[in-house]
Protein backbone atom coordinates (compact mmCIF):
# COMPACT_ATOMS: atom_id res chain seq x y z
CA ARG A 1 -22.03 7.42 20.47
CA PRO A 2 -19.49 5.03 22.01
CA LEU A 3 -19.54 4.97 25.84
CA ARG A 4 -16.78 4.01 28.22
CA TYR A 5 -18.14 4.99 31.65
CA LEU A 6 -21.65 4.91 33.10
CA ARG A 7 -22.63 6.41 36.46
CA MET A 8 -25.77 5.40 38.35
CA ARG A 9 -27.23 7.80 40.89
CA TYR A 10 -29.88 7.17 43.55
CA PRO A 11 -31.79 10.46 44.14
CA ASN A 12 -33.08 10.66 47.72
CA ARG A 13 -35.10 13.54 49.02
CA GLN A 14 -37.20 11.78 51.69
CA CYS A 15 -35.06 9.48 53.77
CA CYS A 16 -32.06 7.25 53.67
CA ILE A 17 -31.96 4.23 51.34
CA THR A 18 -30.01 1.21 52.49
CA GLY A 19 -29.19 -2.04 50.74
CA THR A 20 -26.87 -3.47 48.15
CA THR A 21 -27.00 -3.78 44.38
CA ALA A 22 -27.14 -7.46 43.51
CA GLU A 23 -26.93 -7.07 39.76
CA PHE A 24 -26.42 -4.25 37.28
CA GLN A 25 -27.04 -4.75 33.56
CA VAL A 26 -26.71 -2.33 30.67
CA PHE A 27 -28.18 -3.11 27.26
CA GLY A 28 -27.64 -1.35 23.98
CA GLU A 29 -28.92 -1.61 20.46
CA GLY A 30 -27.19 -2.09 17.15
CA TYR A 31 -23.51 -2.71 16.44
CA PRO A 32 -20.41 -1.76 18.46
CA ALA A 33 -18.24 1.09 17.19
CA GLY A 34 -15.30 -1.26 16.76
CA THR A 35 -14.59 -4.99 16.96
CA ILE A 36 -11.22 -6.70 16.55
CA MET A 37 -11.11 -10.23 15.12
CA GLN A 38 -7.80 -12.10 15.24
CA SER A 39 -7.03 -15.34 13.44
CA PRO A 40 -5.11 -18.26 14.90
CA ILE A 41 -1.49 -18.62 13.86
CA TYR A 42 -1.43 -20.30 10.45
CA ASP A 43 1.37 -22.79 9.85
CA LEU A 44 2.34 -22.96 6.16
CA GLU A 45 4.36 -26.11 7.02
CA ALA A 46 7.53 -24.65 5.50
CA VAL A 47 9.01 -21.26 4.71
CA ARG A 48 6.69 -19.96 1.97
CA ASN A 49 6.44 -16.82 -0.12
CA VAL A 50 3.06 -15.22 0.67
CA THR A 51 2.06 -13.48 -2.55
CA ALA A 52 -1.37 -11.98 -1.85
CA LEU A 53 -4.14 -11.49 0.68
CA SER A 54 -7.71 -11.16 -0.60
CA TRP A 55 -11.06 -10.89 1.14
CA GLN A 56 -14.80 -10.44 0.70
CA VAL A 57 -16.57 -7.90 2.89
CA GLU A 58 -19.90 -6.12 3.09
CA THR A 59 -19.48 -2.50 4.16
CA PRO A 60 -22.71 -0.44 4.30
CA GLU A 61 -22.37 3.34 4.38
CA GLY A 62 -20.61 4.50 7.53
CA THR A 63 -18.71 1.24 8.02
CA ARG A 64 -15.27 -0.05 7.03
CA VAL A 65 -12.94 -2.97 7.61
CA GLU A 66 -9.20 -2.61 8.32
CA ILE A 67 -7.14 -5.76 7.70
CA ARG A 68 -3.57 -6.27 8.89
CA SER A 69 -1.04 -9.11 8.94
CA ARG A 70 2.14 -10.20 10.66
CA THR A 71 4.60 -13.03 10.00
CA GLY A 72 7.49 -14.92 11.57
CA ASN A 73 9.47 -18.16 11.66
CA LEU A 74 9.64 -18.78 15.41
CA LEU A 75 6.96 -19.70 17.94
CA GLN A 76 6.91 -19.57 21.71
CA GLU A 77 5.06 -22.40 23.46
CA SER A 78 3.49 -22.30 26.92
CA TYR A 79 1.41 -24.89 28.72
CA VAL A 80 -1.89 -24.69 30.61
CA PHE A 81 -2.53 -27.46 33.14
CA HIS A 82 -5.92 -28.80 34.32
CA ASP A 83 -7.13 -31.24 36.92
CA LYS A 84 -9.51 -34.07 36.11
CA ASN A 85 -12.52 -31.74 36.48
CA GLY A 86 -11.14 -29.33 33.88
CA LYS A 87 -10.14 -26.68 36.43
CA GLU A 88 -6.95 -24.78 35.56
CA VAL A 89 -4.12 -25.35 38.03
CA THR A 90 -0.47 -24.35 38.27
CA GLU A 91 2.24 -26.63 36.92
CA ARG A 92 3.54 -27.16 40.45
CA LYS A 93 0.13 -28.30 41.72
CA PHE A 94 -0.41 -30.44 38.63
CA ASN A 95 2.83 -32.31 39.23
CA LYS A 96 1.73 -33.11 42.80
CA LEU A 97 -1.53 -34.68 41.67
CA ILE A 98 -1.81 -38.45 41.43
CA PRO A 99 -2.23 -39.66 37.81
CA SER A 100 -5.98 -40.28 38.16
CA PHE A 101 -6.56 -36.67 39.31
CA LYS A 102 -4.62 -35.10 36.43
CA GLY A 103 -6.44 -33.60 33.48
CA ARG A 104 -5.43 -32.35 30.08
CA ILE A 105 -2.44 -30.16 29.22
CA ASP A 106 -3.08 -27.49 26.60
CA THR A 107 -0.26 -26.13 24.46
CA VAL A 108 -0.56 -22.41 23.69
CA ARG A 109 1.49 -21.07 20.77
CA SER A 110 2.37 -17.37 20.48
CA PRO A 111 4.60 -15.32 18.15
CA GLY A 112 8.34 -15.64 18.72
CA ASP A 113 11.07 -13.02 18.86
CA ASP A 114 11.51 -12.75 15.09
CA TRP A 115 7.91 -11.80 14.27
CA SER A 116 7.13 -8.57 12.45
CA ILE A 117 4.85 -5.94 13.93
CA TRP A 118 1.33 -5.68 12.55
CA SER A 119 1.39 -4.29 9.04
CA GLN A 120 -0.33 -1.09 8.02
CA ALA A 121 -3.95 -1.58 6.99
CA TYR A 122 -4.42 -3.04 3.51
CA GLU A 123 -6.00 -0.59 1.08
CA TRP A 124 -7.08 -3.10 -1.55
CA SER A 125 -7.90 -6.78 -1.73
CA ASP A 126 -5.52 -9.00 -3.71
CA ARG A 127 -2.90 -6.26 -4.21
CA GLY A 128 0.15 -7.92 -2.68
CA PHE A 129 1.18 -8.92 0.83
CA LEU A 130 2.51 -6.23 3.19
CA SER A 131 4.30 -8.29 5.86
CA PRO A 132 7.82 -9.74 5.50
CA THR A 133 7.97 -12.91 3.42
CA PRO A 134 8.99 -15.72 2.92
CA ARG A 135 8.01 -16.90 6.40
CA ARG A 136 6.49 -20.06 7.86
CA PHE A 137 3.83 -18.58 10.15
CA VAL A 138 1.15 -15.97 9.40
CA GLN A 139 -1.48 -14.28 11.54
CA LEU A 140 -4.28 -11.98 10.35
CA GLN A 141 -6.32 -9.29 12.07
CA ALA A 142 -9.59 -7.63 11.02
CA TYR A 143 -10.91 -4.44 12.64
CA LEU A 144 -14.62 -3.90 11.94
CA LEU A 145 -15.55 -0.23 12.42
CA SER A 146 -18.88 1.58 12.30
CA ASP A 147 -19.88 5.24 12.65
CA ASP A 148 -23.56 4.26 12.63
CA PRO A 149 -24.78 1.99 15.45
CA MET A 150 -27.49 0.65 13.15
CA GLN A 151 -25.01 -0.44 10.47
CA GLY A 152 -22.32 -3.08 10.73
CA ALA A 153 -19.61 -4.40 8.44
CA ILE A 154 -19.52 -8.11 7.61
CA LEU A 155 -16.36 -10.09 6.84
CA ASP A 156 -17.31 -13.03 4.63
CA GLU A 157 -13.93 -14.60 3.86
CA MET A 158 -10.17 -14.08 3.70
CA VAL A 159 -7.88 -15.93 1.30
CA LEU A 160 -4.10 -16.21 1.71
CA SER A 161 -2.13 -17.06 -1.45
CA TYR A 162 1.41 -18.44 -1.21
CA ALA A 163 4.00 -20.28 -3.27
CA GLU A 164 7.56 -21.58 -3.04
CA PRO A 165 10.00 -18.72 -2.35
CA LEU A 166 11.94 -17.17 -5.22
CA ALA A 167 14.88 -16.80 -2.81
CA ALA A 168 15.31 -18.38 0.60
CA ALA A 169 16.34 -15.06 2.17
CA THR A 170 16.89 -11.49 0.94
CA ARG A 171 18.75 -8.46 2.29
CA ALA A 172 18.78 -4.89 0.98
CA GLU A 173 20.33 -1.58 2.00
CA ILE A 174 20.90 1.86 0.49
CA TYR A 175 23.89 4.16 0.67
CA PRO A 176 23.94 7.02 1.53
CA ILE A 177 20.95 7.02 3.86
CA GLN A 178 20.78 10.81 4.29
CA ALA A 179 20.27 13.50 1.65
CA GLU A 180 19.77 17.25 1.57
CA PRO A 181 16.12 18.17 0.95
CA GLY A 182 15.25 19.05 -2.63
CA GLN A 183 18.74 18.24 -3.96
CA ARG A 184 19.43 15.56 -6.56
CA THR A 185 21.42 12.80 -4.84
CA GLU A 186 23.18 9.70 -6.14
CA PHE A 187 22.44 6.43 -4.31
CA THR A 188 23.38 2.76 -4.58
CA TYR A 189 20.89 0.01 -3.75
CA TYR A 190 22.53 -3.24 -2.58
CA LEU A 191 20.46 -6.42 -2.90
CA GLY A 192 21.75 -9.76 -1.65
CA TRP A 193 19.95 -13.10 -1.54
CA ASP A 194 20.39 -16.73 -0.59
CA VAL A 195 18.89 -19.83 -2.18
CA GLY A 196 17.51 -22.98 -0.61
CA ALA A 197 16.16 -26.36 -1.61
CA GLY A 198 12.78 -24.91 -2.57
CA SER A 199 13.96 -21.65 -4.17
CA THR A 200 12.79 -21.19 -7.75
CA GLY A 201 14.90 -18.13 -8.72
CA PHE A 202 13.89 -14.80 -10.26
CA ASP A 203 14.46 -12.84 -13.45
CA GLN A 204 12.86 -9.50 -12.52
CA LEU A 205 13.50 -6.76 -9.98
CA LEU A 206 10.71 -4.26 -9.26
CA MET A 207 11.74 -0.95 -7.68
CA ARG A 208 9.03 1.13 -5.97
CA SER A 209 9.01 4.51 -4.22
CA LYS A 210 6.92 7.66 -3.93
CA ALA A 211 10.12 9.55 -4.78
CA ASP A 212 11.26 9.74 -8.38
CA ILE A 213 13.87 7.16 -9.41
CA GLU A 214 16.40 7.76 -12.19
CA LEU A 215 18.13 4.46 -12.80
CA GLY A 216 21.83 4.18 -13.50
CA GLU A 217 24.20 1.24 -13.78
CA ILE A 218 23.23 -2.27 -12.61
CA ARG A 219 26.10 -4.58 -11.58
CA PHE A 220 26.33 -8.26 -10.63
CA GLY A 221 29.65 -9.67 -9.51
CA GLY A 222 31.36 -6.46 -10.61
CA GLN A 223 30.04 -6.78 -14.18
CA VAL A 224 27.53 -4.37 -15.71
CA LEU A 225 24.25 -6.09 -16.54
CA ASN A 226 22.13 -5.43 -19.59
CA ALA A 227 18.46 -5.43 -18.67
CA GLU A 228 15.11 -4.32 -20.03
CA VAL A 229 13.94 -1.35 -17.96
CA ILE A 230 10.28 -0.28 -18.12
CA PRO A 231 8.96 2.77 -16.22
CA VAL A 232 5.74 2.13 -14.29
CA ASP A 233 3.66 4.15 -11.87
CA GLY A 234 5.78 4.55 -8.74
CA GLY A 235 9.02 3.07 -10.04
CA TRP A 236 10.65 0.72 -12.54
CA ASP A 237 10.30 -2.89 -13.66
CA ILE A 238 13.69 -4.43 -14.51
CA THR A 239 13.85 -7.70 -16.46
CA PHE A 240 17.13 -9.61 -16.78
CA ALA A 241 18.09 -11.80 -19.71
CA ASP A 242 18.86 -14.82 -17.50
CA PRO A 243 17.23 -15.87 -14.20
CA PHE A 244 19.20 -15.79 -10.95
CA VAL A 245 19.13 -19.26 -9.41
CA ARG A 246 22.22 -18.98 -7.20
CA ALA A 247 23.05 -16.70 -4.29
CA GLY A 248 24.46 -13.32 -5.23
CA LEU A 249 24.58 -9.54 -4.86
CA ILE A 250 23.22 -6.86 -7.21
CA GLU A 251 24.33 -3.23 -6.99
CA LEU A 252 21.95 -0.72 -8.55
CA ASP A 253 22.86 2.96 -8.94
CA PHE A 254 20.07 5.52 -9.03
CA ALA A 255 19.39 9.21 -8.44
CA SER A 256 16.47 10.76 -6.60
CA THR A 257 15.30 13.93 -4.87
CA ILE A 258 14.04 13.62 -1.29
CA TYR A 259 11.29 15.80 0.18
CA ARG A 260 10.22 13.86 3.29
CA GLN A 261 11.83 12.07 6.21
CA GLN A 262 12.39 8.32 5.94
CA MET A 263 11.50 8.09 2.26
CA PRO A 264 11.31 4.33 1.58
CA PHE A 265 12.66 2.58 -1.51
CA GLU A 266 11.14 -0.89 -1.78
CA ALA A 267 12.11 -3.77 -4.02
CA PHE A 268 10.44 -7.01 -5.06
CA LEU A 269 11.88 -10.08 -6.73
CA ALA A 270 9.57 -11.39 -9.45
CA SER A 271 9.15 -14.25 -11.88
CA GLY A 272 6.53 -14.78 -14.58
CA GLN A 273 4.20 -12.38 -16.32
CA GLY A 274 0.65 -11.14 -15.90
CA GLU A 275 -1.58 -13.17 -13.60
CA ARG A 276 1.14 -15.83 -13.35
CA GLN A 277 3.68 -13.38 -11.96
CA ILE A 278 4.99 -14.24 -8.48
CA ARG A 279 6.48 -11.49 -6.32
CA GLN A 280 8.59 -11.64 -3.20
CA ARG A 281 9.16 -8.57 -1.04
CA VAL A 282 12.83 -7.86 -0.28
CA ASP A 283 13.74 -7.64 3.42
CA VAL A 284 15.91 -4.89 4.91
CA GLY A 285 19.29 -6.11 6.15
CA ASP A 286 23.06 -6.27 5.77
CA ALA A 287 23.48 -6.92 2.05
CA SER A 288 27.06 -5.77 1.46
CA ASN A 289 30.26 -5.48 3.47
CA ALA A 290 31.04 -2.28 1.55
CA VAL A 291 28.42 -0.25 3.46
CA ALA A 292 26.81 -0.41 6.88
CA SER A 293 23.44 1.29 6.54
CA GLU A 294 21.08 -1.72 6.87
CA ALA A 295 18.24 0.60 5.79
CA THR A 296 16.22 1.20 2.65
CA ALA A 297 14.70 4.52 3.74
CA VAL A 298 16.49 7.85 3.22
CA SER A 299 16.33 10.61 5.82
CA MET A 300 16.99 14.35 5.72
CA PRO A 301 18.76 16.55 8.27
CA VAL A 302 16.30 17.22 11.08
CA GLY A 303 14.72 20.67 10.87
CA PRO A 304 11.36 22.36 11.47
CA ALA A 305 10.99 23.95 8.03
CA LEU A 306 8.17 22.77 5.75
CA ILE A 307 8.96 25.25 2.95
CA ASP A 308 12.40 25.08 1.39
CA GLY A 309 14.29 26.70 -1.48
CA LEU A 310 11.84 29.42 -2.55
CA ALA A 311 13.35 30.71 -5.79
CA LEU A 312 12.20 33.21 -8.42
CA SER A 313 13.19 33.35 -12.08
CA ALA A 314 13.66 37.12 -11.61
CA THR A 315 13.05 39.82 -9.02
CA LEU A 316 11.59 42.16 -11.65
CA VAL A 317 8.54 41.27 -13.76
CA THR A 318 7.95 43.28 -16.98
CA PRO A 319 4.70 42.00 -18.57
CA ASN A 320 4.84 44.30 -21.61
CA GLY A 321 4.59 41.56 -24.25
CA ASP A 322 8.17 41.75 -25.51
CA GLY A 323 8.88 38.14 -24.48
CA ILE A 324 11.46 39.15 -21.87
CA GLY A 325 10.43 38.99 -18.22
CA ASP A 326 6.73 38.67 -19.08
CA LEU A 327 6.22 35.64 -16.83
CA LEU A 328 7.58 35.06 -13.34
CA GLN A 329 8.48 31.44 -12.50
CA ILE A 330 8.19 30.47 -8.82
CA GLU A 331 9.74 27.27 -7.47
CA PHE A 332 10.00 25.79 -3.98
CA ALA A 333 9.67 22.47 -2.16
CA LEU A 334 7.33 21.23 0.54
CA LEU A 335 9.13 19.05 3.08
CA ASN A 336 7.76 16.38 5.42
CA VAL A 337 4.11 17.03 4.53
CA LEU A 338 2.92 13.42 4.61
CA GLN A 339 -0.82 14.08 4.73
CA PRO A 340 -2.50 16.59 2.39
CA ARG A 341 -2.37 20.10 3.90
CA LEU A 342 -3.70 23.41 2.62
CA LEU A 343 -1.05 25.29 0.65
CA HIS A 344 -1.90 28.92 -0.08
CA VAL A 345 0.30 30.98 -2.40
CA ALA A 346 -0.74 34.52 -3.23
CA LEU A 347 0.49 38.02 -4.13
CA TYR A 348 -0.33 41.08 -2.04
CA ASP A 349 0.19 44.78 -2.51
CA LEU A 350 2.05 46.74 0.16
CA SER A 351 -1.20 47.59 1.94
CA GLY A 352 -1.82 43.89 2.51
CA ARG A 353 -4.60 43.50 -0.05
CA GLU A 354 -4.61 40.16 -1.86
CA VAL A 355 -4.37 40.74 -5.60
CA ARG A 356 -3.82 37.24 -7.03
CA VAL A 357 -4.10 33.68 -5.71
CA LEU A 358 -1.68 31.29 -7.42
CA HIS A 359 -2.42 28.15 -5.40
CA ASP A 360 -5.06 27.26 -2.80
CA GLN A 361 -5.30 23.46 -2.64
CA GLN A 362 -4.36 20.48 -0.50
CA GLN A 363 -0.76 19.40 -1.13
CA THR A 364 1.77 16.83 0.07
CA ALA A 365 5.59 16.92 0.11
CA GLY A 366 7.30 17.50 -3.23
CA PRO A 367 8.42 20.17 -5.69
CA ILE A 368 6.03 23.03 -6.49
CA THR A 369 6.24 25.18 -9.65
CA LEU A 370 3.95 28.17 -10.22
CA SER A 371 3.94 31.24 -12.45
CA TRP A 372 2.57 34.81 -12.43
CA ASP A 373 1.82 36.90 -15.48
CA GLY A 374 1.43 40.21 -13.63
CA GLN A 375 -2.37 40.08 -13.67
CA ASP A 376 -4.88 40.25 -10.82
CA GLU A 377 -7.86 37.97 -10.26
CA SER A 378 -9.93 39.80 -12.88
CA GLY A 379 -7.27 39.35 -15.57
CA GLN A 380 -6.09 42.96 -15.52
CA LEU A 381 -2.44 44.01 -15.22
CA VAL A 382 -1.68 45.27 -11.76
CA ALA A 383 -0.16 48.70 -11.25
CA PRO A 384 3.65 49.00 -11.35
CA GLY A 385 5.30 48.74 -7.95
CA ASN A 386 6.41 46.24 -5.34
CA TYR A 387 4.36 43.20 -4.37
CA ILE A 388 4.69 40.54 -1.66
CA LEU A 389 4.72 36.86 -2.56
CA ARG A 390 3.53 34.83 0.43
CA VAL A 391 3.66 31.02 0.74
CA VAL A 392 1.67 29.55 3.64
CA VAL A 393 1.18 25.89 4.65
CA GLN A 394 -0.61 24.49 7.68
CA GLY A 395 1.65 22.33 9.86
CA ASP A 396 0.78 20.02 12.76
CA ALA A 397 1.67 22.52 15.47
CA GLN A 398 1.78 25.85 13.65
CA THR A 399 1.40 27.65 10.36
CA HIS A 400 4.59 27.90 8.29
CA LYS A 401 5.08 30.80 5.89
CA THR A 402 7.73 32.57 3.88
CA THR A 403 7.67 35.75 1.75
CA LYS A 404 9.59 37.50 -1.01
CA ILE A 405 9.34 40.97 -2.52
CA ILE A 406 8.64 41.15 -6.28
CA ALA A 407 8.92 44.30 -8.36
CA LEU A 408 6.70 44.88 -11.41
CA ALA A 409 7.29 47.47 -14.14
CA TYR A 410 6.14 48.05 -17.72
C-alpha cells in the first residue's frame, strides 16, 4: 500500500549506542500508486479553436489514466540568472558580475491571469475538448494511477487537434438563473459572438444538458429564425439556413425542469457534417445588455431536502378490477443527487412489516414515477386497511425519508 511516513527504531537492551546516521535509503518494488506528468505550455502561434484531444494508453487491470487540460491567451515570464559556471544567482548579483563572469539567462513561462483551471478528467479519447477555446496556449496533464504495485499504466501518445476559430470570441448567459425544483420553467439563452480575421463562421448551434430541453422561439436581430431542429441524446442540434459570418446575438427560448443545483446548459458552435464537423465551445459571459446573469447554469433555492413533491393519484386504492382506482400512481422528484444513491420505496402495514418493494436501486436526481396494484411481493392482494408508503434515499450526511398513508378497500 502507499506509504507516506517511515520510522526507524534502534532497539537497545544491553548498553547505549552512540553515533550518527550517515545515509538512509528506502527501496521499493513495482510502480508508484500515482504519478503526475505535465506537458510544457504549447503555443499554437495564434488564437486557435482546439477541437479534440486524443491519446493512446495501455491500462492493465487495476490501473487508469486521468487526462486534463487548461488553456489561456496570456503568459507570465520570469528569468533565472546563472554565473559562468552555471550556478544560479540572484538578478542583483548577476548585474554586479563583470561580463566574462556572467552566464546564461533562462526565460521561464507560466500561465497568465486569464488561464482556465484544470478541466475535469476526460472520459473518452477524441470526444471533444473540455477547456475554453479558442485560445493560443494549451497545457496538458496526465495522472497515471495504479491499485496494484506490480501493474502500471503506460501513456504512449497524446494528439491535440485544432483549426481556425468559427468565431473569434463567444459569450453566453441564461435568464432566469434560478428555478423552483421540479417545476417547468421558461428560460432564454443569449448567445453573442465576435468575428476576426481568421473566423470561418458557423451554421449550427448544438445545445447540451442533462436536463430536458423543450425548444421555443429562436431570434436573431429581433427576427424569428427558421431552423432545422433535430433531437439528439442530451439536447438538440440546430441547423440554420445561412451561415453566420458577422458578429451578432441569438436569443433562444426554451423550457426545462431542474432537479439539481447548478444545472449547466452548454452550447457549441458548429460547421460541417460528420467527421468534417468542427465544433467550438461557447464561453460564459455578458452576452446581452437585457440581462445580467453571466451564467449558463441554473440553481435552485438552497434547501436540505432530497425528496420533493411526493404526490399520489388517490389516497384510496380499490383494486377490484372495475377500472376505477385499481392502480395507484406515485410521483416525486429526487433533488441534488449527483452521484447514484440507493433509493428504496416500499409499502408497510401498520405493524411495520414490509409488504411490497416498489423500487430498490441506485438513482440520481430527476423525476420518479412508480405504481402499486394493491398486491404484495407474492402477487396476492393485501388485506383492506391502511398502509404506509415510505420513500428513503441515502444522503451524504444522513438518510432522507418521507411517508404517506394509503388506504386500500375492495
